[in-house]
Amino acid sequence: MKTVWIYADTNKLVGDKDHLKVLSTIEAAEAWLEENQPEGVAFEYPVIES
């Protein structure tokens, strides 16, 4: 099963282009969080494929 990592910026409104970040790997998520939002967290989410 493929997954992505999602970060939700709770300071942004739902629908704002910067409200969600979708990252392809845990490594990408960790690197982005370290650089941009050290106190933030991302959660794993399955990719639905048909």
N, C-alpha and C. Protein backbone atom coordinates (compact mmCIF):
# COMPACT_ATOMS: atom_id res chain seq x y z
N MET A 1 0.84 -1.17 0.00
CA MET A 1 0.00 0.00 0.00
C MET A 1 0.90 1.25 0.00
N LYS A 2 0.61 2.16 -0.90
CA LYS A 2 1.32 3.43 -0.93
C LYS A 2 0.69 4.38 0.08
N THR A 3 1.55 5.22 0.67
CA THR A 3 1.05 6.23 1.59
C THR A 3 1.73 7.56 1.31
N VAL A 4 1.12 8.62 1.81
CA VAL A 4 1.71 9.95 1.78
C VAL A 4 1.67 10.48 3.20
N TRP A 5 2.35 11.57 3.44
CA TRP A 5 2.37 12.20 4.76
C TRP A 5 1.72 13.57 4.63
N ILE A 6 0.79 13.86 5.51
CA ILE A 6 0.00 15.09 5.47
C ILE A 6 0.35 15.97 6.66
N TYR A 7 0.58 17.25 6.38
CA TYR A 7 0.75 18.24 7.44
C TYR A 7 -0.37 19.26 7.27
N ALA A 8 -1.11 19.54 8.34
CA ALA A 8 -2.18 20.54 8.31
C ALA A 8 -1.75 21.74 9.15
N ASP A 9 -1.72 22.90 8.53
CA ASP A 9 -1.38 24.15 9.23
C ASP A 9 -2.66 24.70 9.83
N THR A 10 -2.79 24.57 11.14
CA THR A 10 -4.03 24.99 11.81
C THR A 10 -4.16 26.50 11.92
N ASN A 11 -3.14 27.23 11.50
CA ASN A 11 -3.23 28.69 11.47
C ASN A 11 -3.85 29.19 10.17
N LYS A 12 -4.05 28.30 9.22
CA LYS A 12 -4.65 28.64 7.92
C LYS A 12 -6.10 28.17 7.88
N LEU A 13 -6.89 28.82 7.07
CA LEU A 13 -8.28 28.41 6.88
C LEU A 13 -8.35 27.21 5.95
N VAL A 14 -9.34 26.35 6.19
CA VAL A 14 -9.58 25.24 5.28
C VAL A 14 -9.84 25.81 3.89
N GLY A 15 -9.17 25.27 2.90
CA GLY A 15 -9.31 25.76 1.53
C GLY A 15 -8.19 26.69 1.13
N ASP A 16 -7.47 27.26 2.08
CA ASP A 16 -6.30 28.09 1.78
C ASP A 16 -5.26 27.20 1.12
N LYS A 17 -4.57 27.72 0.12
CA LYS A 17 -3.61 26.89 -0.61
C LYS A 17 -2.48 26.37 0.27
N ASP A 18 -2.22 27.02 1.39
CA ASP A 18 -1.16 26.58 2.29
C ASP A 18 -1.67 25.82 3.51
N HIS A 19 -2.96 25.47 3.53
CA HIS A 19 -3.52 24.77 4.67
C HIS A 19 -2.94 23.36 4.83
N LEU A 20 -2.78 22.66 3.72
CA LEU A 20 -2.26 21.29 3.75
C LEU A 20 -0.97 21.19 2.96
N LYS A 21 -0.07 20.36 3.43
CA LYS A 21 1.13 19.97 2.69
C LYS A 21 1.05 18.46 2.56
N VAL A 22 1.26 17.95 1.36
CA VAL A 22 1.27 16.51 1.11
C VAL A 22 2.69 16.15 0.71
N LEU A 23 3.29 15.26 1.48
CA LEU A 23 4.69 14.90 1.28
C LEU A 23 4.78 13.42 0.93
N SER A 24 5.67 13.07 0.03
CA SER A 24 5.69 11.73 -0.54
C SER A 24 6.32 10.66 0.34
N THR A 25 7.22 11.04 1.23
CA THR A 25 7.89 10.05 2.08
C THR A 25 8.05 10.60 3.50
N ILE A 26 8.33 9.72 4.43
CA ILE A 26 8.58 10.15 5.80
C ILE A 26 9.84 11.03 5.84
N GLU A 27 10.82 10.70 5.02
CA GLU A 27 12.04 11.51 4.98
C GLU A 27 11.75 12.93 4.50
N ALA A 28 10.91 13.04 3.47
CA ALA A 28 10.53 14.36 2.97
C ALA A 28 9.75 15.13 4.03
N ALA A 29 8.86 14.44 4.72
CA ALA A 29 8.07 15.08 5.77
C ALA A 29 8.96 15.57 6.90
N GLU A 30 9.87 14.73 7.35
CA GLU A 30 10.77 15.12 8.44
C GLU A 30 11.63 16.31 8.04
N ALA A 31 12.17 16.29 6.81
CA ALA A 31 13.02 17.39 6.34
C ALA A 31 12.22 18.68 6.25
N TRP A 32 11.00 18.61 5.68
CA TRP A 32 10.19 19.82 5.54
C TRP A 32 9.82 20.38 6.91
N LEU A 33 9.40 19.49 7.82
CA LEU A 33 9.02 19.94 9.16
C LEU A 33 10.20 20.56 9.89
N GLU A 34 11.36 19.95 9.80
CA GLU A 34 12.55 20.48 10.48
C GLU A 34 12.87 21.89 10.01
N GLU A 35 12.73 22.11 8.71
CA GLU A 35 13.07 23.41 8.13
C GLU A 35 11.96 24.45 8.31
N ASN A 36 10.70 24.01 8.27
CA ASN A 36 9.59 24.97 8.21
C ASN A 36 8.70 25.03 9.44
N GLN A 37 8.58 23.94 10.15
CA GLN A 37 7.64 23.89 11.28
C GLN A 37 8.14 22.85 12.29
N PRO A 38 9.24 23.16 13.00
CA PRO A 38 9.85 22.16 13.90
C PRO A 38 8.92 21.59 14.96
N GLU A 39 7.92 22.33 15.36
CA GLU A 39 6.98 21.83 16.37
C GLU A 39 5.80 21.08 15.76
N GLY A 40 5.73 21.04 14.43
CA GLY A 40 4.60 20.41 13.75
C GLY A 40 4.74 18.90 13.64
N VAL A 41 3.66 18.28 13.24
CA VAL A 41 3.64 16.84 13.00
C VAL A 41 2.91 16.57 11.69
N ALA A 42 3.26 15.47 11.07
CA ALA A 42 2.57 15.01 9.86
C ALA A 42 2.03 13.61 10.15
N PHE A 43 0.94 13.27 9.50
CA PHE A 43 0.38 11.94 9.71
C PHE A 43 0.35 11.19 8.39
N GLU A 44 0.46 9.87 8.50
CA GLU A 44 0.48 9.00 7.33
C GLU A 44 -0.95 8.77 6.85
N TYR A 45 -1.13 8.77 5.53
CA TYR A 45 -2.45 8.60 4.94
C TYR A 45 -2.34 7.70 3.72
N PRO A 46 -3.21 6.71 3.57
CA PRO A 46 -3.11 5.80 2.42
C PRO A 46 -3.52 6.48 1.11
N VAL A 47 -2.86 6.08 0.04
CA VAL A 47 -3.21 6.53 -1.30
C VAL A 47 -4.15 5.50 -1.90
N ILE A 48 -5.30 5.94 -2.35
CA ILE A 48 -6.27 5.03 -2.96
C ILE A 48 -5.97 4.92 -4.45
N GLU A 49 -5.72 3.71 -4.88
CA GLU A 49 -5.44 3.47 -6.30
C GLU A 49 -6.52 2.60 -6.89
N SER A 50 -6.88 2.88 -8.12
CA SER A 50 -7.92 2.06 -8.74
C SER A 50 -7.32 1.05 -9.69
